[in-house]
Amino acid sequence: MFISSAIAQTAPAAAAGGDMQSSLMGMLPLVLMFVVLYFVMIRPQMKKAKEHKSMIEALAKGDEVATAGGILGKVTKLGDSFIDIEVASGVEVHLQRSAVVQVLPKGSIK
């Protein structure tokens, strides 16, 4: 009777090292999912944001642009955070720089 209770008390202590290893193996799929998520979603989004920022900083007077609202026009004035674009002859629109989504090739707007 004393021997069986002594064996029962030492058994969990011996298995404690195995529990640590199994918990690490249980976290492995979670870590792998985060790594895949980083390379599939987060990294491309950061690259796209970096390209957009460099495009906005490179805007110059006379560039033809498309805005997030679908307005096409030619840049007439540049400020630190705002630009003016001419959408028609004599019609200018004051916009935030971040509203520009694309710089069009010269001659796109007639």
PDB file of N, CA and C in Angstrom:
ATOM      1  N   MET A   1       0.804  -1.171   0.000  1.00  0.00           N
ATOM      2  CA  MET A   1       0.000   0.000   0.000  1.00  0.00           C
ATOM      3  C   MET A   1       0.871   1.269   0.000  1.00  0.00           C
ATOM      4  N   PHE A   2       1.973   1.295   0.738  1.00  0.00           N
ATOM      5  CA  PHE A   2       2.870   2.441   0.782  1.00  0.00           C
ATOM      6  C   PHE A   2       3.638   2.592  -0.529  1.00  0.00           C
ATOM      7  N   ILE A   3       3.969   1.481  -1.145  1.00  0.00           N
ATOM      8  CA  ILE A   3       4.739   1.522  -2.383  1.00  0.00           C
ATOM      9  C   ILE A   3       3.902   2.108  -3.515  1.00  0.00           C
ATOM     10  N   SER A   4       2.671   1.721  -3.634  1.00  0.00           N
ATOM     11  CA  SER A   4       1.828   2.244  -4.711  1.00  0.00           C
ATOM     12  C   SER A   4       1.592   3.748  -4.569  1.00  0.00           C
ATOM     13  N   SER A   5       1.452   4.254  -3.356  1.00  0.00           N
ATOM     14  CA  SER A   5       1.269   5.697  -3.185  1.00  0.00           C
ATOM     15  C   SER A   5       2.568   6.438  -3.474  1.00  0.00           C
ATOM     16  N   ALA A   6       3.713   5.849  -3.196  1.00  0.00           N
ATOM     17  CA  ALA A   6       4.995   6.484  -3.491  1.00  0.00           C
ATOM     18  C   ALA A   6       5.208   6.557  -5.000  1.00  0.00           C
ATOM     19  N   ILE A   7       4.845   5.548  -5.721  1.00  0.00           N
ATOM     20  CA  ILE A   7       4.984   5.548  -7.184  1.00  0.00           C
ATOM     21  C   ILE A   7       4.027   6.577  -7.779  1.00  0.00           C
ATOM     22  N   ALA A   8       2.848   6.695  -7.255  1.00  0.00           N
ATOM     23  CA  ALA A   8       1.866   7.647  -7.749  1.00  0.00           C
ATOM     24  C   ALA A   8       2.338   9.083  -7.550  1.00  0.00           C
ATOM     25  N   GLN A   9       3.088   9.332  -6.462  1.00  0.00           N
ATOM     26  CA  GLN A   9       3.562  10.687  -6.201  1.00  0.00           C
ATOM     27  C   GLN A   9       4.736  11.059  -7.097  1.00  0.00           C
ATOM     28  N   THR A  10       5.559  10.132  -7.488  1.00  0.00           N
ATOM     29  CA  THR A  10       6.736  10.446  -8.306  1.00  0.00           C
ATOM     30  C   THR A  10       6.424  10.454  -9.793  1.00  0.00           C
ATOM     31  N   ALA A  11       5.376   9.868 -10.221  1.00  0.00           N
ATOM     32  CA  ALA A  11       5.061   9.788 -11.650  1.00  0.00           C
ATOM     33  C   ALA A  11       4.824  11.159 -12.283  1.00  0.00           C
ATOM     34  N   PRO A  12       4.036  12.067 -11.694  1.00  0.00           N
ATOM     35  CA  PRO A  12       3.844  13.376 -12.335  1.00  0.00           C
ATOM     36  C   PRO A  12       5.122  14.198 -12.404  1.00  0.00           C
ATOM     37  N   ALA A  13       5.988  14.079 -11.435  1.00  0.00           N
ATOM     38  CA  ALA A  13       7.237  14.833 -11.451  1.00  0.00           C
ATOM     39  C   ALA A  13       8.114  14.398 -12.615  1.00  0.00           C
ATOM     40  N   ALA A  14       8.109  13.123 -12.931  1.00  0.00           N
ATOM     41  CA  ALA A  14       8.919  12.623 -14.044  1.00  0.00           C
ATOM     42  C   ALA A  14       8.327  13.060 -15.374  1.00  0.00           C
ATOM     43  N   ALA A  15       7.028  13.208 -15.460  1.00  0.00           N
ATOM     44  CA  ALA A  15       6.379  13.594 -16.720  1.00  0.00           C
ATOM     45  C   ALA A  15       6.359  15.102 -16.936  1.00  0.00           C
ATOM     46  N   ALA A  16       6.804  15.888 -15.976  1.00  0.00           N
ATOM     47  CA  ALA A  16       6.763  17.347 -16.087  1.00  0.00           C
ATOM     48  C   ALA A  16       7.609  17.840 -17.254  1.00  0.00           C
ATOM     49  N   GLY A  17       8.731  17.245 -17.501  1.00  0.00           N
ATOM     50  CA  GLY A  17       9.573  17.629 -18.632  1.00  0.00           C
ATOM     51  C   GLY A  17       8.881  17.351 -19.947  1.00  0.00           C
ATOM     52  N   GLY A  18       8.132  16.303 -20.037  1.00  0.00           N
ATOM     53  CA  GLY A  18       7.386  15.975 -21.242  1.00  0.00           C
ATOM     54  C   GLY A  18       6.249  16.954 -21.486  1.00  0.00           C
ATOM     55  N   ASP A  19       5.632  17.464 -20.427  1.00  0.00           N
ATOM     56  CA  ASP A  19       4.556  18.436 -20.565  1.00  0.00           C
ATOM     57  C   ASP A  19       5.070  19.744 -21.154  1.00  0.00           C
ATOM     58  N   MET A  20       6.259  20.133 -20.760  1.00  0.00           N
ATOM     59  CA  MET A  20       6.860  21.372 -21.275  1.00  0.00           C
ATOM     60  C   MET A  20       7.104  21.239 -22.781  1.00  0.00           C
ATOM     61  N   GLN A  21       7.605  20.107 -23.180  1.00  0.00           N
ATOM     62  CA  GLN A  21       7.884  19.881 -24.597  1.00  0.00           C
ATOM     63  C   GLN A  21       6.589  19.815 -25.401  1.00  0.00           C
ATOM     64  N   SER A  22       5.565  19.188 -24.858  1.00  0.00           N
ATOM     65  CA  SER A  22       4.304  19.086 -25.591  1.00  0.00           C
ATOM     66  C   SER A  22       3.612  20.451 -25.687  1.00  0.00           C
ATOM     67  N   SER A  23       3.773  21.304 -24.678  1.00  0.00           N
ATOM     68  CA  SER A  23       3.176  22.637 -24.764  1.00  0.00           C
ATOM     69  C   SER A  23       3.898  23.487 -25.809  1.00  0.00           C
ATOM     70  N   LEU A  24       5.213  23.319 -25.935  1.00  0.00           N
ATOM     71  CA  LEU A  24       5.949  24.031 -26.982  1.00  0.00           C
ATOM     72  C   LEU A  24       5.536  23.537 -28.366  1.00  0.00           C
ATOM     73  N   MET A  25       5.328  22.252 -28.492  1.00  0.00           N
ATOM     74  CA  MET A  25       4.881  21.689 -29.773  1.00  0.00           C
ATOM     75  C   MET A  25       3.454  22.142 -30.082  1.00  0.00           C
ATOM     76  N   GLY A  26       2.657  22.387 -29.073  1.00  0.00           N
ATOM     77  CA  GLY A  26       1.299  22.878 -29.269  1.00  0.00           C
ATOM     78  C   GLY A  26       1.287  24.315 -29.749  1.00  0.00           C
ATOM     79  N   MET A  27       2.297  25.100 -29.386  1.00  0.00           N
ATOM     80  CA  MET A  27       2.387  26.495 -29.812  1.00  0.00           C
ATOM     81  C   MET A  27       3.007  26.631 -31.200  1.00  0.00           C
ATOM     82  N   LEU A  28       3.659  25.603 -31.681  1.00  0.00           N
ATOM     83  CA  LEU A  28       4.329  25.654 -32.981  1.00  0.00           C
ATOM     84  C   LEU A  28       3.383  26.018 -34.128  1.00  0.00           C
ATOM     85  N   PRO A  29       2.187  25.438 -34.240  1.00  0.00           N
ATOM     86  CA  PRO A  29       1.288  25.850 -35.328  1.00  0.00           C
ATOM     87  C   PRO A  29       0.889  27.319 -35.250  1.00  0.00           C
ATOM     88  N   LEU A  30       0.713  27.845 -34.047  1.00  0.00           N
ATOM     89  CA  LEU A  30       0.368  29.258 -33.874  1.00  0.00           C
ATOM     90  C   LEU A  30       1.501  30.155 -34.365  1.00  0.00           C
ATOM     91  N   VAL A  31       2.726  29.802 -34.025  1.00  0.00           N
ATOM     92  CA  VAL A  31       3.894  30.572 -34.471  1.00  0.00           C
ATOM     93  C   VAL A  31       4.024  30.489 -35.987  1.00  0.00           C
ATOM     94  N   LEU A  32       3.832  29.314 -36.555  1.00  0.00           N
ATOM     95  CA  LEU A  32       3.916  29.154 -38.008  1.00  0.00           C
ATOM     96  C   LEU A  32       2.826  29.952 -38.718  1.00  0.00           C
ATOM     97  N   MET A  33       1.623  29.999 -38.151  1.00  0.00           N
ATOM     98  CA  MET A  33       0.549  30.787 -38.761  1.00  0.00           C
ATOM     99  C   MET A  33       0.895  32.274 -38.751  1.00  0.00           C
ATOM    100  N   PHE A  34       1.502  32.762 -37.670  1.00  0.00           N
ATOM    101  CA  PHE A  34       1.892  34.164 -37.618  1.00  0.00           C
ATOM    102  C   PHE A  34       2.969  34.475 -38.654  1.00  0.00           C
ATOM    103  N   VAL A  35       3.922  33.572 -38.837  1.00  0.00           N
ATOM    104  CA  VAL A  35       4.983  33.784 -39.831  1.00  0.00           C
ATOM    105  C   VAL A  35       4.393  33.834 -41.237  1.00  0.00           C
ATOM    106  N   VAL A  36       3.483  32.929 -41.544  1.00  0.00           N
ATOM    107  CA  VAL A  36       2.829  32.923 -42.857  1.00  0.00           C
ATOM    108  C   VAL A  36       2.001  34.189 -43.036  1.00  0.00           C
ATOM    109  N   LEU A  37       1.276  34.608 -42.018  1.00  0.00           N
ATOM    110  CA  LEU A  37       0.474  35.832 -42.072  1.00  0.00           C
ATOM    111  C   LEU A  37       1.359  37.039 -42.345  1.00  0.00           C
ATOM    112  N   TYR A  38       2.524  37.084 -41.717  1.00  0.00           N
ATOM    113  CA  TYR A  38       3.446  38.199 -41.924  1.00  0.00           C
ATOM    114  C   TYR A  38       3.883  38.277 -43.382  1.00  0.00           C
ATOM    115  N   PHE A  39       4.295  37.151 -43.954  1.00  0.00           N
ATOM    116  CA  PHE A  39       4.804  37.171 -45.325  1.00  0.00           C
ATOM    117  C   PHE A  39       3.707  37.302 -46.375  1.00  0.00           C
ATOM    118  N   VAL A  40       2.488  36.885 -46.059  1.00  0.00           N
ATOM    119  CA  VAL A  40       1.408  36.943 -47.043  1.00  0.00           C
ATOM    120  C   VAL A  40       0.642  38.266 -46.986  1.00  0.00           C
ATOM    121  N   MET A  41       0.459  38.835 -45.783  1.00  0.00           N
ATOM    122  CA  MET A  41      -0.375  40.029 -45.664  1.00  0.00           C
ATOM    123  C   MET A  41       0.364  41.272 -45.184  1.00  0.00           C
ATOM    124  N   ILE A  42       1.088  41.179 -44.105  1.00  0.00           N
ATOM    125  CA  ILE A  42       1.659  42.368 -43.473  1.00  0.00           C
ATOM    126  C   ILE A  42       2.791  42.959 -44.299  1.00  0.00           C
ATOM    127  N   ARG A  43       3.721  42.146 -44.744  1.00  0.00           N
ATOM    128  CA  ARG A  43       4.874  42.644 -45.489  1.00  0.00           C
ATOM    129  C   ARG A  43       4.478  43.296 -46.821  1.00  0.00           C
ATOM    130  N   PRO A  44       3.601  42.678 -47.632  1.00  0.00           N
ATOM    131  CA  PRO A  44       3.188  43.358 -48.872  1.00  0.00           C
ATOM    132  C   PRO A  44       2.454  44.666 -48.616  1.00  0.00           C
ATOM    133  N   GLN A  45       1.661  44.740 -47.545  1.00  0.00           N
ATOM    134  CA  GLN A  45       0.951  45.969 -47.231  1.00  0.00           C
ATOM    135  C   GLN A  45       1.930  47.080 -46.857  1.00  0.00           C
ATOM    136  N   MET A  46       2.969  46.742 -46.101  1.00  0.00           N
ATOM    137  CA  MET A  46       3.981  47.740 -45.736  1.00  0.00           C
ATOM    138  C   MET A  46       4.739  48.213 -46.976  1.00  0.00           C
ATOM    139  N   LYS A  47       5.013  47.296 -47.906  1.00  0.00           N
ATOM    140  CA  LYS A  47       5.713  47.655 -49.141  1.00  0.00           C
ATOM    141  C   LYS A  47       4.848  48.596 -49.983  1.00  0.00           C
ATOM    142  N   LYS A  48       3.558  48.299 -50.073  1.00  0.00           N
ATOM    143  CA  LYS A  48       2.639  49.137 -50.842  1.00  0.00           C
ATOM    144  C   LYS A  48       2.536  50.537 -50.232  1.00  0.00           C
ATOM    145  N   ALA A  49       2.472  50.630 -48.910  1.00  0.00           N
ATOM    146  CA  ALA A  49       2.399  51.922 -48.231  1.00  0.00           C
ATOM    147  C   ALA A  49       3.678  52.731 -48.461  1.00  0.00           C
ATOM    148  N   LYS A  50       4.804  52.062 -48.468  1.00  0.00           N
ATOM    149  CA  LYS A  50       6.083  52.740 -48.703  1.00  0.00           C
ATOM    150  C   LYS A  50       6.148  53.288 -50.134  1.00  0.00           C
ATOM    151  N   GLU A  51       5.678  52.509 -51.109  1.00  0.00           N
ATOM    152  CA  GLU A  51       5.659  52.963 -52.500  1.00  0.00           C
ATOM    153  C   GLU A  51       4.715  54.158 -52.667  1.00  0.00           C
ATOM    154  N   HIS A  52       3.554  54.119 -52.004  1.00  0.00           N
ATOM    155  CA  HIS A  52       2.586  55.212 -52.094  1.00  0.00           C
ATOM    156  C   HIS A  52       3.178  56.495 -51.507  1.00  0.00           C
ATOM    157  N   LYS A  53       3.871  56.369 -50.387  1.00  0.00           N
ATOM    158  CA  LYS A  53       4.486  57.531 -49.751  1.00  0.00           C
ATOM    159  C   LYS A  53       5.550  58.145 -50.663  1.00  0.00           C
ATOM    160  N   SER A  54       6.370  57.322 -51.290  1.00  0.00           N
ATOM    161  CA  SER A  54       7.408  57.853 -52.184  1.00  0.00           C
ATOM    162  C   SER A  54       6.787  58.484 -53.430  1.00  0.00           C
ATOM    163  N   MET A  55       5.666  57.936 -53.920  1.00  0.00           N
ATOM    164  CA  MET A  55       4.987  58.511 -55.077  1.00  0.00           C
ATOM    165  C   MET A  55       4.427  59.895 -54.722  1.00  0.00           C
ATOM    166  N   ILE A  56       3.834  60.023 -53.537  1.00  0.00           N
ATOM    167  CA  ILE A  56       3.261  61.301 -53.113  1.00  0.00           C
ATOM    168  C   ILE A  56       4.354  62.351 -52.922  1.00  0.00           C
ATOM    169  N   GLU A  57       5.494  61.942 -52.363  1.00  0.00           N
ATOM    170  CA  GLU A  57       6.596  62.883 -52.161  1.00  0.00           C
ATOM    171  C   GLU A  57       7.212  63.328 -53.482  1.00  0.00           C
ATOM    172  N   ALA A  58       7.107  62.502 -54.520  1.00  0.00           N
ATOM    173  CA  ALA A  58       7.714  62.813 -55.808  1.00  0.00           C
ATOM    174  C   ALA A  58       6.788  63.613 -56.730  1.00  0.00           C
ATOM    175  N   LEU A  59       5.590  63.963 -56.271  1.00  0.00           N
ATOM    176  CA  LEU A  59       4.675  64.748 -57.111  1.00  0.00           C
ATOM    177  C   LEU A  59       5.309  66.077 -57.497  1.00  0.00           C
ATOM    178  N   ALA A  60       5.070  66.479 -58.732  1.00  0.00           N
ATOM    179  CA  ALA A  60       5.606  67.750 -59.223  1.00  0.00           C
ATOM    180  C   ALA A  60       4.505  68.495 -59.969  1.00  0.00           C
ATOM    181  N   LYS A  61       4.690  69.781 -60.118  1.00  0.00           N
ATOM    182  CA  LYS A  61       3.733  70.601 -60.844  1.00  0.00           C
ATOM    183  C   LYS A  61       3.678  70.120 -62.291  1.00  0.00           C
ATOM    184  N   GLY A  62       2.463  69.941 -62.804  1.00  0.00           N
ATOM    185  CA  GLY A  62       2.285  69.472 -64.177  1.00  0.00           C
ATOM    186  C   GLY A  62       2.023  67.980 -64.290  1.00  0.00           C
ATOM    187  N   ASP A  63       2.200  67.229 -63.204  1.00  0.00           N
ATOM    188  CA  ASP A  63       1.895  65.793 -63.227  1.00  0.00           C
ATOM    189  C   ASP A  63       0.396  65.584 -63.373  1.00  0.00           C
ATOM    190  N   GLU A  64       0.028  64.564 -64.098  1.00  0.00           N
ATOM    191  CA  GLU A  64      -1.378  64.190 -64.241  1.00  0.00           C
ATOM    192  C   GLU A  64      -1.652  63.057 -63.254  1.00  0.00           C
ATOM    193  N   VAL A  65      -2.698  63.234 -62.434  1.00  0.00           N
ATOM    194  CA  VAL A  65      -2.957  62.293 -61.348  1.00  0.00           C
ATOM    195  C   VAL A  65      -4.400  61.830 -61.338  1.00  0.00           C
ATOM    196  N   ALA A  66      -4.614  60.694 -60.679  1.00  0.00           N
ATOM    197  CA  ALA A  66      -5.956  60.184 -60.391  1.00  0.00           C
ATOM    198  C   ALA A  66      -6.102  60.146 -58.875  1.00  0.00           C
ATOM    199  N   THR A  67      -7.255  60.574 -58.373  1.00  0.00           N
ATOM    200  CA  THR A  67      -7.477  60.609 -56.927  1.00  0.00           C
ATOM    201  C   THR A  67      -8.290  59.399 -56.484  1.00  0.00           C
ATOM    202  N   ALA A  68      -8.404  59.243 -55.177  1.00  0.00           N
ATOM    203  CA  ALA A  68      -9.174  58.129 -54.613  1.00  0.00           C
ATOM    204  C   ALA A  68     -10.646  58.232 -54.985  1.00  0.00           C
ATOM    205  N   GLY A  69     -11.130  59.438 -55.225  1.00  0.00           N
ATOM    206  CA  GLY A  69     -12.529  59.629 -55.615  1.00  0.00           C
ATOM    207  C   GLY A  69     -12.768  59.462 -57.098  1.00  0.00           C
ATOM    208  N   GLY A  70     -11.711  59.214 -57.857  1.00  0.00           N
ATOM    209  CA  GLY A  70     -11.859  59.006 -59.296  1.00  0.00           C
ATOM    210  C   GLY A  70     -11.702  60.269 -60.118  1.00  0.00           C
ATOM    211  N   ILE A  71     -11.272  61.344 -59.511  1.00  0.00           N
ATOM    212  CA  ILE A  71     -11.082  62.607 -60.229  1.00  0.00           C
ATOM    213  C   ILE A  71      -9.723  62.600 -60.907  1.00  0.00           C
ATOM    214  N   LEU A  72      -9.708  62.974 -62.178  1.00  0.00           N
ATOM    215  CA  LEU A  72      -8.463  63.084 -62.932  1.00  0.00           C
ATOM    216  C   LEU A  72      -8.143  64.554 -63.120  1.00  0.00           C
ATOM    217  N   GLY A  73      -6.883  64.902 -62.983  1.00  0.00           N
ATOM    218  CA  GLY A  73      -6.506  66.295 -63.165  1.00  0.00           C
ATOM    219  C   GLY A  73      -5.006  66.476 -63.218  1.00  0.00           C
ATOM    220  N   LYS A  74      -4.625  67.733 -63.482  1.00  0.00           N
ATOM    221  CA  LYS A  74      -3.213  68.098 -63.586  1.00  0.00           C
ATOM    222  C   LYS A  74      -2.845  68.926 -62.359  1.00  0.00           C
ATOM    223  N   VAL A  75      -1.719  68.602 -61.724  1.00  0.00           N
ATOM    224  CA  VAL A  75      -1.269  69.301 -60.524  1.00  0.00           C
ATOM    225  C   VAL A  75      -0.859  70.720 -60.904  1.00  0.00           C
ATOM    226  N   THR A  76      -1.442  71.707 -60.185  1.00  0.00           N
ATOM    227  CA  THR A  76      -1.102  73.103 -60.455  1.00  0.00           C
ATOM    228  C   THR A  76      -0.336  73.744 -59.304  1.00  0.00           C
ATOM    229  N   LYS A  77      -0.643  73.355 -58.072  1.00  0.00           N
ATOM    230  CA  LYS A  77       0.051  73.900 -56.902  1.00  0.00           C
ATOM    231  C   LYS A  77       0.366  72.769 -55.939  1.00  0.00           C
ATOM    232  N   LEU A  78       1.519  72.877 -55.276  1.00  0.00           N
ATOM    233  CA  LEU A  78       1.926  71.882 -54.295  1.00  0.00           C
ATOM    234  C   LEU A  78       2.159  72.541 -52.947  1.00  0.00           C
ATOM    235  N   GLY A  79       1.663  71.911 -51.897  1.00  0.00           N
ATOM    236  CA  GLY A  79       1.925  72.346 -50.529  1.00  0.00           C
ATOM    237  C   GLY A  79       2.501  71.175 -49.754  1.00  0.00           C
ATOM    238  N   ASP A  80       2.692  71.369 -48.451  1.00  0.00           N
ATOM    239  CA  ASP A  80       3.238  70.284 -47.638  1.00  0.00           C
ATOM    240  C   ASP A  80       2.285  69.095 -47.544  1.00  0.00           C
ATOM    241  N   SER A  81       1.009  69.369 -47.296  1.00  0.00           N
ATOM    242  CA  SER A  81       0.052  68.277 -47.164  1.00  0.00           C
ATOM    243  C   SER A  81      -1.137  68.404 -48.108  1.00  0.00           C
ATOM    244  N   PHE A  82      -1.193  69.479 -48.893  1.00  0.00           N
ATOM    245  CA  PHE A  82      -2.300  69.681 -49.830  1.00  0.00           C
ATOM    246  C   PHE A  82      -1.763  69.979 -51.226  1.00  0.00           C
ATOM    247  N   ILE A  83      -2.580  69.659 -52.228  1.00  0.00           N
ATOM    248  CA  ILE A  83      -2.254  70.001 -53.611  1.00  0.00           C
ATOM    249  C   ILE A  83      -3.504  70.587 -54.254  1.00  0.00           C
ATOM    250  N   ASP A  84      -3.304  71.340 -55.319  1.00  0.00           N
ATOM    251  CA  ASP A  84      -4.412  71.818 -56.147  1.00  0.00           C
ATOM    252  C   ASP A  84      -4.272  71.141 -57.490  1.00  0.00           C
ATOM    253  N   ILE A  85      -5.381  70.579 -57.976  1.00  0.00           N
ATOM    254  CA  ILE A  85      -5.358  69.990 -59.309  1.00  0.00           C
ATOM    255  C   ILE A  85      -6.407  70.681 -60.169  1.00  0.00           C
ATOM    256  N   GLU A  86      -6.075  70.836 -61.433  1.00  0.00           N
ATOM    257  CA  GLU A  86      -7.002  71.428 -62.393  1.00  0.00           C
ATOM    258  C   GLU A  86      -7.748  70.286 -63.066  1.00  0.00           C
ATOM    259  N   VAL A  87      -9.071  70.236 -62.867  1.00  0.00           N
ATOM    260  CA  VAL A  87      -9.890  69.159 -63.418  1.00  0.00           C
ATOM    261  C   VAL A  87     -10.517  69.553 -64.746  1.00  0.00           C
ATOM    262  N   ALA A  88     -10.676  70.840 -64.975  1.00  0.00           N
ATOM    263  CA  ALA A  88     -11.185  71.364 -66.240  1.00  0.00           C
ATOM    264  C   ALA A  88     -10.562  72.745 -66.415  1.00  0.00           C
ATOM    265  N   SER A  89     -10.749  73.317 -67.558  1.00  0.00           N
ATOM    266  CA  SER A  89     -10.169  74.626 -67.821  1.00  0.00           C
ATOM    267  C   SER A  89     -10.741  75.655 -66.838  1.00  0.00           C
ATOM    268  N   GLY A  90      -9.880  76.177 -65.960  1.00  0.00           N
ATOM    269  CA  GLY A  90     -10.295  77.177 -64.987  1.00  0.00           C
ATOM    270  C   GLY A  90     -10.920  76.616 -63.727  1.00  0.00           C
ATOM    271  N   VAL A  91     -11.008  75.295 -63.572  1.00  0.00           N
ATOM    272  CA  VAL A  91     -11.607  74.680 -62.386  1.00  0.00           C
ATOM    273  C   VAL A  91     -10.512  73.937 -61.618  1.00  0.00           C
ATOM    274  N   GLU A  92     -10.231  74.407 -60.390  1.00  0.00           N
ATOM    275  CA  GLU A  92      -9.216  73.771 -59.562  1.00  0.00           C
ATOM    276  C   GLU A  92      -9.853  73.188 -58.308  1.00  0.00           C
ATOM    277  N   VAL A  93      -9.312  72.062 -57.862  1.00  0.00           N
ATOM    278  CA  VAL A  93      -9.800  71.377 -56.669  1.00  0.00           C
ATOM    279  C   VAL A  93      -8.640  71.287 -55.684  1.00  0.00           C
ATOM    280  N   HIS A  94      -8.913  71.612 -54.428  1.00  0.00           N
ATOM    281  CA  HIS A  94      -7.918  71.567 -53.360  1.00  0.00           C
ATOM    282  C   HIS A  94      -8.043  70.210 -52.661  1.00  0.00           C
ATOM    283  N   LEU A  95      -6.993  69.385 -52.662  1.00  0.00           N
ATOM    284  CA  LEU A  95      -7.039  68.028 -52.113  1.00  0.00           C
ATOM    285  C   LEU A  95      -5.873  67.758 -51.178  1.00  0.00           C
ATOM    286  N   GLN A  96      -6.031  66.749 -50.340  1.00  0.00           N
ATOM    287  CA  GLN A  96      -4.908  66.254 -49.553  1.00  0.00           C
ATOM    288  C   GLN A  96      -4.009  65.428 -50.468  1.00  0.00           C
ATOM    289  N   ARG A  97      -2.720  65.462 -50.192  1.00  0.00           N
ATOM    290  CA  ARG A  97      -1.778  64.675 -50.999  1.00  0.00           C
ATOM    291  C   ARG A  97      -2.100  63.184 -50.945  1.00  0.00           C
ATOM    292  N   SER A  98      -2.542  62.708 -49.783  1.00  0.00           N
ATOM    293  CA  SER A  98      -2.813  61.276 -49.628  1.00  0.00           C
ATOM    294  C   SER A  98      -3.985  60.804 -50.484  1.00  0.00           C
ATOM    295  N   ALA A  99      -4.792  61.730 -51.030  1.00  0.00           N
ATOM    296  CA  ALA A  99      -5.918  61.344 -51.889  1.00  0.00           C
ATOM    297  C   ALA A  99      -5.452  60.900 -53.266  1.00  0.00           C
ATOM    298  N   VAL A 100      -4.219  61.219 -53.630  1.00  0.00           N
ATOM    299  CA  VAL A 100      -3.691  60.808 -54.934  1.00  0.00           C
ATOM    300  C   VAL A 100      -3.339  59.328 -54.864  1.00  0.00           C
ATOM    301  N   VAL A 101      -3.911  58.546 -55.794  1.00  0.00           N
ATOM    302  CA  VAL A 101      -3.642  57.107 -55.800  1.00  0.00           C
ATOM    303  C   VAL A 101      -2.768  56.681 -56.963  1.00  0.00           C
ATOM    304  N   GLN A 102      -2.666  57.532 -58.001  1.00  0.00           N
ATOM    305  CA  GLN A 102      -1.894  57.133 -59.169  1.00  0.00           C
ATOM    306  C   GLN A 102      -1.409  58.365 -59.911  1.00  0.00           C
ATOM    307  N   VAL A 103      -0.185  58.298 -60.382  1.00  0.00           N
ATOM    308  CA  VAL A 103       0.333  59.326 -61.285  1.00  0.00           C
ATOM    309  C   VAL A 103       0.218  58.749 -62.690  1.00  0.00           C
ATOM    310  N   LEU A 104      -0.501  59.451 -63.555  1.00  0.00           N
ATOM    311  CA  LEU A 104      -0.773  58.969 -64.895  1.00  0.00           C
ATOM    312  C   LEU A 104       0.358  59.393 -65.847  1.00  0.00           C
ATOM    313  N   PRO A 105       0.523  58.650 -66.940  1.00  0.00           N
ATOM    314  CA  PRO A 105       1.511  59.068 -67.951  1.00  0.00           C
ATOM    315  C   PRO A 105       1.119  60.394 -68.564  1.00  0.00           C
ATOM    316  N   LYS A 106       2.117  61.163 -68.968  1.00  0.00           N
ATOM    317  CA  LYS A 106       1.857  62.477 -69.584  1.00  0.00           C
ATOM    318  C   LYS A 106       0.983  62.303 -70.819  1.00  0.00           C
ATOM    319  N   GLY A 107       0.013  63.203 -70.974  1.00  0.00           N
ATOM    320  CA  GLY A 107      -0.875  63.157 -72.129  1.00  0.00           C
ATOM    321  C   GLY A 107      -2.092  62.268 -71.938  1.00  0.00           C
ATOM    322  N   SER A 108      -2.286  61.706 -70.767  1.00  0.00           N
ATOM    323  CA  SER A 108      -3.448  60.839 -70.521  1.00  0.00           C
ATOM    324  C   SER A 108      -4.735  61.650 -70.492  1.00  0.00           C
ATOM    325  N   ILE A 109      -4.667  62.863 -69.982  1.00  0.00           N
ATOM    326  CA  ILE A 109      -5.840  63.716 -69.867  1.00  0.00           C
ATOM    327  C   ILE A 109      -5.851  64.682 -71.040  1.00  0.00           C
ATOM    328  N   LYS A 110      -6.917  64.690 -71.780  1.00  0.00           N
ATOM    329  CA  LYS A 110      -7.020  65.576 -72.956  1.00  0.00           C
ATOM    330  C   LYS A 110      -7.665  66.862 -72.580  1.00  0.00           C
TER     331      LYS A 110
END
